[in-house]
Amino acid sequence: MTLALTVLTTTDSAEKAEELARGAVEARLAACAQISGPVTSVYHWKNAIETSQEWQVFFKTTEACYDTLEAHIARVHDYDTPEILALPVVRGSAAYLAWLAEETSAG
């Protein structure tokens, strides 16, 4: 069975979030991408605590696509160090997981 992942990144505008989502889905690196936001992020950056408004992008993908998806996000993202986190999907409906695997290029 294919291991499903949810991969998360953030960006500073709804437009950039949609570009990231659309690019990954068009390249079949993710079967789906959902955008949420704005959210408030508080983080350390260059010896200061920053607060900013960001949009989260959640990519639904497979473990087989992860490395290529990570490289894609890193290449097109405009942050110096973009958040790229992969969370394993512990359980899911068989039909959804089959669709996810079928819609990704590694499926």
PDB file of N, CA and C in Angstrom:
ATOM      1  N   MET A   1       0.836  -1.183   0.000  1.00  0.00           N
ATOM      2  CA  MET A   1       0.000   0.000   0.000  1.00  0.00           C
ATOM      3  C   MET A   1       0.882   1.247   0.000  1.00  0.00           C
ATOM      4  N   THR A   2       0.491   2.264  -0.727  1.00  0.00           N
ATOM      5  CA  THR A   2       1.230   3.512  -0.839  1.00  0.00           C
ATOM      6  C   THR A   2       1.055   4.333   0.430  1.00  0.00           C
ATOM      7  N   LEU A   3       2.156   4.841   0.984  1.00  0.00           N
ATOM      8  CA  LEU A   3       2.065   5.705   2.153  1.00  0.00           C
ATOM      9  C   LEU A   3       1.665   7.098   1.706  1.00  0.00           C
ATOM     10  N   ALA A   4       0.579   7.587   2.267  1.00  0.00           N
ATOM     11  CA  ALA A   4       0.100   8.938   1.950  1.00  0.00           C
ATOM     12  C   ALA A   4       0.706   9.936   2.927  1.00  0.00           C
ATOM     13  N   LEU A   5       0.938  11.149   2.429  1.00  0.00           N
ATOM     14  CA  LEU A   5       1.485  12.234   3.242  1.00  0.00           C
ATOM     15  C   LEU A   5       0.661  13.497   3.032  1.00  0.00           C
ATOM     16  N   THR A   6       0.636  14.319   4.062  1.00  0.00           N
ATOM     17  CA  THR A   6       0.200  15.701   3.927  1.00  0.00           C
ATOM     18  C   THR A   6       1.460  16.541   4.102  1.00  0.00           C
ATOM     19  N   VAL A   7       1.782  17.344   3.108  1.00  0.00           N
ATOM     20  CA  VAL A   7       2.981  18.190   3.148  1.00  0.00           C
ATOM     21  C   VAL A   7       2.513  19.627   3.311  1.00  0.00           C
ATOM     22  N   LEU A   8       3.109  20.334   4.247  1.00  0.00           N
ATOM     23  CA  LEU A   8       2.706  21.689   4.605  1.00  0.00           C
ATOM     24  C   LEU A   8       3.790  22.690   4.265  1.00  0.00           C
ATOM     25  N   THR A   9       3.359  23.818   3.707  1.00  0.00           N
ATOM     26  CA  THR A   9       4.233  24.974   3.564  1.00  0.00           C
ATOM     27  C   THR A   9       3.408  26.221   3.840  1.00  0.00           C
ATOM     28  N   THR A  10       4.069  27.349   4.003  1.00  0.00           N
ATOM     29  CA  THR A  10       3.389  28.629   4.194  1.00  0.00           C
ATOM     30  C   THR A  10       4.006  29.658   3.259  1.00  0.00           C
ATOM     31  N   THR A  11       3.228  30.684   2.975  1.00  0.00           N
ATOM     32  CA  THR A  11       3.718  31.789   2.164  1.00  0.00           C
ATOM     33  C   THR A  11       2.983  33.059   2.572  1.00  0.00           C
ATOM     34  N   ASP A  12       3.426  34.207   2.069  1.00  0.00           N
ATOM     35  CA  ASP A  12       2.916  35.484   2.586  1.00  0.00           C
ATOM     36  C   ASP A  12       1.771  36.103   1.785  1.00  0.00           C
ATOM     37  N   SER A  13       1.187  35.368   0.843  1.00  0.00           N
ATOM     38  CA  SER A  13       0.017  35.913   0.146  1.00  0.00           C
ATOM     39  C   SER A  13      -0.850  34.781  -0.397  1.00  0.00           C
ATOM     40  N   ALA A  14      -2.125  35.080  -0.564  1.00  0.00           N
ATOM     41  CA  ALA A  14      -3.054  34.100  -1.132  1.00  0.00           C
ATOM     42  C   ALA A  14      -2.656  33.756  -2.563  1.00  0.00           C
ATOM     43  N   GLU A  15      -2.186  34.735  -3.316  1.00  0.00           N
ATOM     44  CA  GLU A  15      -1.794  34.506  -4.699  1.00  0.00           C
ATOM     45  C   GLU A  15      -0.607  33.543  -4.798  1.00  0.00           C
ATOM     46  N   LYS A  16       0.391  33.750  -3.932  1.00  0.00           N
ATOM     47  CA  LYS A  16       1.552  32.852  -3.938  1.00  0.00           C
ATOM     48  C   LYS A  16       1.146  31.449  -3.502  1.00  0.00           C
ATOM     49  N   ALA A  17       0.236  31.362  -2.534  1.00  0.00           N
ATOM     50  CA  ALA A  17      -0.244  30.053  -2.089  1.00  0.00           C
ATOM     51  C   ALA A  17      -0.922  29.320  -3.234  1.00  0.00           C
ATOM     52  N   GLU A  18      -1.740  30.023  -4.001  1.00  0.00           N
ATOM     53  CA  GLU A  18      -2.423  29.383  -5.125  1.00  0.00           C
ATOM     54  C   GLU A  18      -1.431  28.956  -6.198  1.00  0.00           C
ATOM     55  N   GLU A  19      -0.403  29.755  -6.439  1.00  0.00           N
ATOM     56  CA  GLU A  19       0.622  29.375  -7.418  1.00  0.00           C
ATOM     57  C   GLU A  19       1.349  28.102  -6.985  1.00  0.00           C
ATOM     58  N   LEU A  20       1.696  28.027  -5.696  1.00  0.00           N
ATOM     59  CA  LEU A  20       2.358  26.832  -5.182  1.00  0.00           C
ATOM     60  C   LEU A  20       1.448  25.618  -5.320  1.00  0.00           C
ATOM     61  N   ALA A  21       0.184  25.776  -4.939  1.00  0.00           N
ATOM     62  CA  ALA A  21      -0.781  24.677  -5.000  1.00  0.00           C
ATOM     63  C   ALA A  21      -0.989  24.218  -6.439  1.00  0.00           C
ATOM     64  N   ARG A  22      -1.276  25.156  -7.310  1.00  0.00           N
ATOM     65  CA  ARG A  22      -1.566  24.828  -8.711  1.00  0.00           C
ATOM     66  C   ARG A  22      -0.354  24.168  -9.384  1.00  0.00           C
ATOM     67  N   GLY A  23       0.838  24.690  -9.139  1.00  0.00           N
ATOM     68  CA  GLY A  23       2.037  24.129  -9.757  1.00  0.00           C
ATOM     69  C   GLY A  23       2.277  22.681  -9.363  1.00  0.00           C
ATOM     70  N   ALA A  24       2.081  22.365  -8.089  1.00  0.00           N
ATOM     71  CA  ALA A  24       2.303  20.992  -7.620  1.00  0.00           C
ATOM     72  C   ALA A  24       1.246  20.040  -8.169  1.00  0.00           C
ATOM     73  N   VAL A  25      -0.008  20.490  -8.219  1.00  0.00           N
ATOM     74  CA  VAL A  25      -1.077  19.638  -8.742  1.00  0.00           C
ATOM     75  C   VAL A  25      -0.907  19.445 -10.250  1.00  0.00           C
ATOM     76  N   GLU A  26      -0.592  20.516 -10.973  1.00  0.00           N
ATOM     77  CA  GLU A  26      -0.367  20.391 -12.422  1.00  0.00           C
ATOM     78  C   GLU A  26       0.783  19.443 -12.742  1.00  0.00           C
ATOM     79  N   ALA A  27       1.818  19.465 -11.903  1.00  0.00           N
ATOM     80  CA  ALA A  27       2.974  18.578 -12.109  1.00  0.00           C
ATOM     81  C   ALA A  27       2.711  17.168 -11.585  1.00  0.00           C
ATOM     82  N   ARG A  28       1.540  16.925 -11.032  1.00  0.00           N
ATOM     83  CA  ARG A  28       1.128  15.643 -10.463  1.00  0.00           C
ATOM     84  C   ARG A  28       2.015  15.211  -9.301  1.00  0.00           C
ATOM     85  N   LEU A  29       2.570  16.199  -8.603  1.00  0.00           N
ATOM     86  CA  LEU A  29       3.339  15.931  -7.388  1.00  0.00           C
ATOM     87  C   LEU A  29       2.420  15.826  -6.182  1.00  0.00           C
ATOM     88  N   ALA A  30       1.202  16.320  -6.333  1.00  0.00           N
ATOM     89  CA  ALA A  30       0.159  16.220  -5.315  1.00  0.00           C
ATOM     90  C   ALA A  30      -1.163  15.999  -6.032  1.00  0.00           C
ATOM     91  N   ALA A  31      -2.026  15.214  -5.428  1.00  0.00           N
ATOM     92  CA  ALA A  31      -3.351  14.980  -6.006  1.00  0.00           C
ATOM     93  C   ALA A  31      -4.268  16.154  -5.727  1.00  0.00           C
ATOM     94  N   CYS A  32      -3.980  16.859  -4.658  1.00  0.00           N
ATOM     95  CA  CYS A  32      -4.837  17.946  -4.192  1.00  0.00           C
ATOM     96  C   CYS A  32      -3.970  18.872  -3.341  1.00  0.00           C
ATOM     97  N   ALA A  33      -4.326  20.132  -3.311  1.00  0.00           N
ATOM     98  CA  ALA A  33      -3.679  21.078  -2.400  1.00  0.00           C
ATOM     99  C   ALA A  33      -4.758  21.988  -1.848  1.00  0.00           C
ATOM    100  N   GLN A  34      -4.750  22.182  -0.560  1.00  0.00           N
ATOM    101  CA  GLN A  34      -5.726  23.055   0.082  1.00  0.00           C
ATOM    102  C   GLN A  34      -5.010  24.251   0.681  1.00  0.00           C
ATOM    103  N   ILE A  35      -5.659  25.393   0.579  1.00  0.00           N
ATOM    104  CA  ILE A  35      -5.095  26.652   1.065  1.00  0.00           C
ATOM    105  C   ILE A  35      -5.951  27.146   2.217  1.00  0.00           C
ATOM    106  N   SER A  36      -5.306  27.538   3.295  1.00  0.00           N
ATOM    107  CA  SER A  36      -5.991  28.070   4.444  1.00  0.00           C
ATOM    108  C   SER A  36      -5.309  29.352   4.857  1.00  0.00           C
ATOM    109  N   GLY A  37      -6.098  30.285   5.324  1.00  0.00           N
ATOM    110  CA  GLY A  37      -5.479  31.512   5.808  1.00  0.00           C
ATOM    111  C   GLY A  37      -6.391  32.700   5.655  1.00  0.00           C
ATOM    112  N   PRO A  38      -5.946  33.796   6.113  1.00  0.00           N
ATOM    113  CA  PRO A  38      -4.606  33.987   6.689  1.00  0.00           C
ATOM    114  C   PRO A  38      -4.510  33.447   8.112  1.00  0.00           C
ATOM    115  N   VAL A  39      -3.304  33.070   8.475  1.00  0.00           N
ATOM    116  CA  VAL A  39      -2.968  32.675   9.836  1.00  0.00           C
ATOM    117  C   VAL A  39      -1.878  33.622  10.332  1.00  0.00           C
ATOM    118  N   THR A  40      -1.760  33.761  11.617  1.00  0.00           N
ATOM    119  CA  THR A  40      -0.698  34.578  12.196  1.00  0.00           C
ATOM    120  C   THR A  40       0.436  33.660  12.622  1.00  0.00           C
ATOM    121  N   SER A  41       1.630  33.912  12.123  1.00  0.00           N
ATOM    122  CA  SER A  41       2.811  33.137  12.477  1.00  0.00           C
ATOM    123  C   SER A  41       3.731  33.989  13.334  1.00  0.00           C
ATOM    124  N   VAL A  42       4.245  33.388  14.397  1.00  0.00           N
ATOM    125  CA  VAL A  42       5.219  34.036  15.287  1.00  0.00           C
ATOM    126  C   VAL A  42       6.440  33.124  15.301  1.00  0.00           C
ATOM    127  N   TYR A  43       7.616  33.683  14.961  1.00  0.00           N
ATOM    128  CA  TYR A  43       8.783  32.832  14.783  1.00  0.00           C
ATOM    129  C   TYR A  43      10.069  33.626  14.989  1.00  0.00           C
ATOM    130  N   HIS A  44      11.162  32.879  15.267  1.00  0.00           N
ATOM    131  CA  HIS A  44      12.499  33.473  15.332  1.00  0.00           C
ATOM    132  C   HIS A  44      13.038  33.592  13.918  1.00  0.00           C
ATOM    133  N   TRP A  45      13.592  34.741  13.570  1.00  0.00           N
ATOM    134  CA  TRP A  45      14.261  34.905  12.278  1.00  0.00           C
ATOM    135  C   TRP A  45      15.335  35.966  12.425  1.00  0.00           C
ATOM    136  N   LYS A  46      16.574  35.576  12.147  1.00  0.00           N
ATOM    137  CA  LYS A  46      17.713  36.490  12.192  1.00  0.00           C
ATOM    138  C   LYS A  46      17.774  37.252  13.509  1.00  0.00           C
ATOM    139  N   ASN A  47      17.779  36.500  14.598  1.00  0.00           N
ATOM    140  CA  ASN A  47      17.933  37.022  15.960  1.00  0.00           C
ATOM    141  C   ASN A  47      16.815  37.951  16.421  1.00  0.00           C
ATOM    142  N   ALA A  48      15.647  37.806  15.854  1.00  0.00           N
ATOM    143  CA  ALA A  48      14.493  38.606  16.280  1.00  0.00           C
ATOM    144  C   ALA A  48      13.255  37.713  16.266  1.00  0.00           C
ATOM    145  N   ILE A  49      12.264  38.124  17.017  1.00  0.00           N
ATOM    146  CA  ILE A  49      10.980  37.445  16.967  1.00  0.00           C
ATOM    147  C   ILE A  49      10.094  38.227  16.011  1.00  0.00           C
ATOM    148  N   GLU A  50       9.620  37.536  14.987  1.00  0.00           N
ATOM    149  CA  GLU A  50       8.802  38.145  13.941  1.00  0.00           C
ATOM    150  C   GLU A  50       7.355  37.680  14.068  1.00  0.00           C
ATOM    151  N   THR A  51       6.450  38.511  13.616  1.00  0.00           N
ATOM    152  CA  THR A  51       5.040  38.153  13.518  1.00  0.00           C
ATOM    153  C   THR A  51       4.586  38.544  12.119  1.00  0.00           C
ATOM    154  N   SER A  52       3.952  37.600  11.431  1.00  0.00           N
ATOM    155  CA  SER A  52       3.495  37.910  10.080  1.00  0.00           C
ATOM    156  C   SER A  52       2.224  37.138   9.759  1.00  0.00           C
ATOM    157  N   GLN A  53       1.545  37.612   8.733  1.00  0.00           N
ATOM    158  CA  GLN A  53       0.348  36.956   8.229  1.00  0.00           C
ATOM    159  C   GLN A  53       0.780  36.028   7.091  1.00  0.00           C
ATOM    160  N   GLU A  54       0.328  34.775   7.149  1.00  0.00           N
ATOM    161  CA  GLU A  54       0.712  33.810   6.132  1.00  0.00           C
ATOM    162  C   GLU A  54      -0.492  32.971   5.714  1.00  0.00           C
ATOM    163  N   TRP A  55      -0.331  32.295   4.581  1.00  0.00           N
ATOM    164  CA  TRP A  55      -1.316  31.334   4.089  1.00  0.00           C
ATOM    165  C   TRP A  55      -0.651  29.974   4.100  1.00  0.00           C
ATOM    166  N   GLN A  56      -1.369  28.963   4.570  1.00  0.00           N
ATOM    167  CA  GLN A  56      -0.862  27.597   4.616  1.00  0.00           C
ATOM    168  C   GLN A  56      -1.332  26.842   3.383  1.00  0.00           C
ATOM    169  N   VAL A  57      -0.448  26.031   2.840  1.00  0.00           N
ATOM    170  CA  VAL A  57      -0.800  25.151   1.726  1.00  0.00           C
ATOM    171  C   VAL A  57      -0.547  23.723   2.196  1.00  0.00           C
ATOM    172  N   PHE A  58      -1.583  22.897   2.103  1.00  0.00           N
ATOM    173  CA  PHE A  58      -1.514  21.494   2.482  1.00  0.00           C
ATOM    174  C   PHE A  58      -1.605  20.655   1.208  1.00  0.00           C
ATOM    175  N   PHE A  59      -0.523  19.965   0.879  1.00  0.00           N
ATOM    176  CA  PHE A  59      -0.467  19.126  -0.310  1.00  0.00           C
ATOM    177  C   PHE A  59      -0.784  17.692   0.098  1.00  0.00           C
ATOM    178  N   LYS A  60      -1.668  17.020  -0.638  1.00  0.00           N
ATOM    179  CA  LYS A  60      -1.974  15.605  -0.405  1.00  0.00           C
ATOM    180  C   LYS A  60      -1.181  14.822  -1.436  1.00  0.00           C
ATOM    181  N   THR A  61      -0.246  13.996  -0.959  1.00  0.00           N
ATOM    182  CA  THR A  61       0.671  13.322  -1.869  1.00  0.00           C
ATOM    183  C   THR A  61       1.054  11.952  -1.334  1.00  0.00           C
ATOM    184  N   THR A  62       2.028  11.346  -1.967  1.00  0.00           N
ATOM    185  CA  THR A  62       2.529  10.040  -1.540  1.00  0.00           C
ATOM    186  C   THR A  62       3.994  10.164  -1.150  1.00  0.00           C
ATOM    187  N   GLU A  63       4.432   9.177  -0.392  1.00  0.00           N
ATOM    188  CA  GLU A  63       5.846   9.160   0.008  1.00  0.00           C
ATOM    189  C   GLU A  63       6.744   9.105  -1.230  1.00  0.00           C
ATOM    190  N   ALA A  64       6.316   8.403  -2.255  1.00  0.00           N
ATOM    191  CA  ALA A  64       7.115   8.292  -3.481  1.00  0.00           C
ATOM    192  C   ALA A  64       7.312   9.638  -4.176  1.00  0.00           C
ATOM    193  N   CYS A  65       6.369  10.559  -3.999  1.00  0.00           N
ATOM    194  CA  CYS A  65       6.460  11.879  -4.637  1.00  0.00           C
ATOM    195  C   CYS A  65       7.140  12.925  -3.751  1.00  0.00           C
ATOM    196  N   TYR A  66       7.396  12.566  -2.489  1.00  0.00           N
ATOM    197  CA  TYR A  66       7.848  13.592  -1.543  1.00  0.00           C
ATOM    198  C   TYR A  66       9.121  14.322  -1.994  1.00  0.00           C
ATOM    199  N   ASP A  67      10.163  13.600  -2.348  1.00  0.00           N
ATOM    200  CA  ASP A  67      11.435  14.261  -2.672  1.00  0.00           C
ATOM    201  C   ASP A  67      11.277  15.253  -3.825  1.00  0.00           C
ATOM    202  N   THR A  68      10.534  14.862  -4.839  1.00  0.00           N
ATOM    203  CA  THR A  68      10.325  15.748  -5.981  1.00  0.00           C
ATOM    204  C   THR A  68       9.452  16.932  -5.597  1.00  0.00           C
ATOM    205  N   LEU A  69       8.430  16.692  -4.764  1.00  0.00           N
ATOM    206  CA  LEU A  69       7.582  17.796  -4.286  1.00  0.00           C
ATOM    207  C   LEU A  69       8.391  18.765  -3.434  1.00  0.00           C
ATOM    208  N   GLU A  70       9.215  18.250  -2.538  1.00  0.00           N
ATOM    209  CA  GLU A  70      10.055  19.122  -1.704  1.00  0.00           C
ATOM    210  C   GLU A  70      10.973  19.977  -2.586  1.00  0.00           C
ATOM    211  N   ALA A  71      11.604  19.366  -3.573  1.00  0.00           N
ATOM    212  CA  ALA A  71      12.493  20.115  -4.471  1.00  0.00           C
ATOM    213  C   ALA A  71      11.712  21.168  -5.243  1.00  0.00           C
ATOM    214  N   HIS A  72      10.509  20.833  -5.680  1.00  0.00           N
ATOM    215  CA  HIS A  72       9.660  21.784  -6.404  1.00  0.00           C
ATOM    216  C   HIS A  72       9.321  22.984  -5.523  1.00  0.00           C
ATOM    217  N   ILE A  73       8.870  22.712  -4.297  1.00  0.00           N
ATOM    218  CA  ILE A  73       8.514  23.809  -3.380  1.00  0.00           C
ATOM    219  C   ILE A  73       9.740  24.685  -3.126  1.00  0.00           C
ATOM    220  N   ALA A  74      10.867  24.070  -2.822  1.00  0.00           N
ATOM    221  CA  ALA A  74      12.093  24.835  -2.542  1.00  0.00           C
ATOM    222  C   ALA A  74      12.506  25.683  -3.735  1.00  0.00           C
ATOM    223  N   ARG A  75      12.332  25.165  -4.943  1.00  0.00           N
ATOM    224  CA  ARG A  75      12.749  25.883  -6.152  1.00  0.00           C
ATOM    225  C   ARG A  75      11.851  27.085  -6.446  1.00  0.00           C
ATOM    226  N   VAL A  76      10.541  26.941  -6.278  1.00  0.00           N
ATOM    227  CA  VAL A  76       9.628  28.018  -6.668  1.00  0.00           C
ATOM    228  C   VAL A  76       9.256  28.951  -5.524  1.00  0.00           C
ATOM    229  N   HIS A  77       9.558  28.563  -4.303  1.00  0.00           N
ATOM    230  CA  HIS A  77       9.200  29.391  -3.139  1.00  0.00           C
ATOM    231  C   HIS A  77      10.135  30.582  -3.039  1.00  0.00           C
ATOM    232  N   ASP A  78       9.611  31.718  -2.583  1.00  0.00           N
ATOM    233  CA  ASP A  78      10.467  32.905  -2.489  1.00  0.00           C
ATOM    234  C   ASP A  78      11.034  33.139  -1.084  1.00  0.00           C
ATOM    235  N   TYR A  79      10.728  32.286  -0.113  1.00  0.00           N
ATOM    236  CA  TYR A  79      11.342  32.410   1.215  1.00  0.00           C
ATOM    237  C   TYR A  79      12.763  31.846   1.172  1.00  0.00           C
ATOM    238  N   ASP A  80      13.658  32.408   2.002  1.00  0.00           N
ATOM    239  CA  ASP A  80      15.013  31.868   2.124  1.00  0.00           C
ATOM    240  C   ASP A  80      14.978  30.436   2.654  1.00  0.00           C
ATOM    241  N   THR A  81      14.138  30.213   3.659  1.00  0.00           N
ATOM    242  CA  THR A  81      14.005  28.896   4.284  1.00  0.00           C
ATOM    243  C   THR A  81      12.525  28.572   4.423  1.00  0.00           C
ATOM    244  N   PRO A  82      11.901  28.085   3.365  1.00  0.00           N
ATOM    245  CA  PRO A  82      10.466  27.804   3.464  1.00  0.00           C
ATOM    246  C   PRO A  82      10.185  26.626   4.388  1.00  0.00           C
ATOM    247  N   GLU A  83       9.074  26.723   5.074  1.00  0.00           N
ATOM    248  CA  GLU A  83       8.598  25.591   5.866  1.00  0.00           C
ATOM    249  C   GLU A  83       8.165  24.504   4.894  1.00  0.00           C
ATOM    250  N   ILE A  84       8.731  23.318   5.059  1.00  0.00           N
ATOM    251  CA  ILE A  84       8.303  22.147   4.293  1.00  0.00           C
ATOM    252  C   ILE A  84       8.297  20.984   5.270  1.00  0.00           C
ATOM    253  N   LEU A  85       7.109  20.589   5.689  1.00  0.00           N
ATOM    254  CA  LEU A  85       6.949  19.504   6.652  1.00  0.00           C
ATOM    255  C   LEU A  85       6.063  18.427   6.062  1.00  0.00           C
ATOM    256  N   ALA A  86       6.446  17.180   6.245  1.00  0.00           N
ATOM    257  CA  ALA A  86       5.629  16.057   5.784  1.00  0.00           C
ATOM    258  C   ALA A  86       5.064  15.325   6.990  1.00  0.00           C
ATOM    259  N   LEU A  87       3.761  15.148   6.972  1.00  0.00           N
ATOM    260  CA  LEU A  87       3.076  14.438   8.043  1.00  0.00           C
ATOM    261  C   LEU A  87       2.470  13.165   7.471  1.00  0.00           C
ATOM    262  N   PRO A  88       2.746  12.004   8.078  1.00  0.00           N
ATOM    263  CA  PRO A  88       2.179  10.773   7.545  1.00  0.00           C
ATOM    264  C   PRO A  88       0.672  10.714   7.791  1.00  0.00           C
ATOM    265  N   VAL A  89      -0.040  10.166   6.829  1.00  0.00           N
ATOM    266  CA  VAL A  89      -1.467   9.912   7.003  1.00  0.00           C
ATOM    267  C   VAL A  89      -1.560   8.534   7.651  1.00  0.00           C
ATOM    268  N   VAL A  90      -2.036   8.494   8.873  1.00  0.00           N
ATOM    269  CA  VAL A  90      -2.083   7.252   9.634  1.00  0.00           C
ATOM    270  C   VAL A  90      -3.201   6.344   9.131  1.00  0.00           C
ATOM    271  N   ARG A  91      -4.342   6.940   8.810  1.00  0.00           N
ATOM    272  CA  ARG A  91      -5.477   6.185   8.286  1.00  0.00           C
ATOM    273  C   ARG A  91      -6.241   7.059   7.324  1.00  0.00           C
ATOM    274  N   GLY A  92      -6.986   6.425   6.433  1.00  0.00           N
ATOM    275  CA  GLY A  92      -7.836   7.142   5.491  1.00  0.00           C
ATOM    276  C   GLY A  92      -8.723   6.158   4.766  1.00  0.00           C
ATOM    277  N   SER A  93      -9.749   6.669   4.121  1.00  0.00           N
ATOM    278  CA  SER A  93     -10.636   5.766   3.392  1.00  0.00           C
ATOM    279  C   SER A  93      -9.871   5.149   2.225  1.00  0.00           C
ATOM    280  N   ALA A  94     -10.146   3.899   1.968  1.00  0.00           N
ATOM    281  CA  ALA A  94      -9.456   3.179   0.902  1.00  0.00           C
ATOM    282  C   ALA A  94      -9.681   3.866  -0.445  1.00  0.00           C
ATOM    283  N   ALA A  95     -10.903   4.330  -0.679  1.00  0.00           N
ATOM    284  CA  ALA A  95     -11.210   4.981  -1.957  1.00  0.00           C
ATOM    285  C   ALA A  95     -10.407   6.267  -2.124  1.00  0.00           C
ATOM    286  N   TYR A  96     -10.322   7.089  -1.075  1.00  0.00           N
ATOM    287  CA  TYR A  96      -9.564   8.350  -1.167  1.00  0.00           C
ATOM    288  C   TYR A  96      -8.081   8.064  -1.375  1.00  0.00           C
ATOM    289  N   LEU A  97      -7.544   7.128  -0.622  1.00  0.00           N
ATOM    290  CA  LEU A  97      -6.118   6.833  -0.737  1.00  0.00           C
ATOM    291  C   LEU A  97      -5.782   6.251  -2.106  1.00  0.00           C
ATOM    292  N   ALA A  98      -6.678   5.454  -2.680  1.00  0.00           N
ATOM    293  CA  ALA A  98      -6.461   4.934  -4.039  1.00  0.00           C
ATOM    294  C   ALA A  98      -6.479   6.080  -5.046  1.00  0.00           C
ATOM    295  N   TRP A  99      -7.422   7.013  -4.884  1.00  0.00           N
ATOM    296  CA  TRP A  99      -7.493   8.179  -5.778  1.00  0.00           C
ATOM    297  C   TRP A  99      -6.210   8.998  -5.674  1.00  0.00           C
ATOM    298  N   LEU A 100      -5.744   9.228  -4.448  1.00  0.00           N
ATOM    299  CA  LEU A 100      -4.523  10.012  -4.233  1.00  0.00           C
ATOM    300  C   LEU A 100      -3.346   9.361  -4.967  1.00  0.00           C
ATOM    301  N   ALA A 101      -3.189   8.065  -4.815  1.00  0.00           N
ATOM    302  CA  ALA A 101      -2.079   7.354  -5.471  1.00  0.00           C
ATOM    303  C   ALA A 101      -2.218   7.420  -6.985  1.00  0.00           C
ATOM    304  N   GLU A 102      -3.439   7.292  -7.486  1.00  0.00           N
ATOM    305  CA  GLU A 102      -3.678   7.315  -8.923  1.00  0.00           C
ATOM    306  C   GLU A 102      -3.390   8.678  -9.540  1.00  0.00           C
ATOM    307  N   GLU A 103      -3.635   9.753  -8.807  1.00  0.00           N
ATOM    308  CA  GLU A 103      -3.515  11.102  -9.353  1.00  0.00           C
ATOM    309  C   GLU A 103      -2.123  11.707  -9.227  1.00  0.00           C
ATOM    310  N   THR A 104      -1.205  11.011  -8.577  1.00  0.00           N
ATOM    311  CA  THR A 104       0.170  11.512  -8.475  1.00  0.00           C
ATOM    312  C   THR A 104       1.042  10.759  -9.469  1.00  0.00           C
ATOM    313  N   SER A 105       2.105  11.404  -9.915  1.00  0.00           N
ATOM    314  CA  SER A 105       2.932  10.804 -10.964  1.00  0.00           C
ATOM    315  C   SER A 105       3.636   9.544 -10.518  1.00  0.00           C
ATOM    316  N   ALA A 106       3.823   9.379  -9.222  1.00  0.00           N
ATOM    317  CA  ALA A 106       4.485   8.164  -8.747  1.00  0.00           C
ATOM    318  C   ALA A 106       3.453   7.076  -8.437  1.00  0.00           C
ATOM    319  N   GLY A 107       2.146   7.407  -8.601  1.00  0.00           N
ATOM    320  CA  GLY A 107       1.071   6.454  -8.273  1.00  0.00           C
ATOM    321  C   GLY A 107       0.983   5.374  -9.233  1.00  0.00           C
TER     322      GLY A 107
END
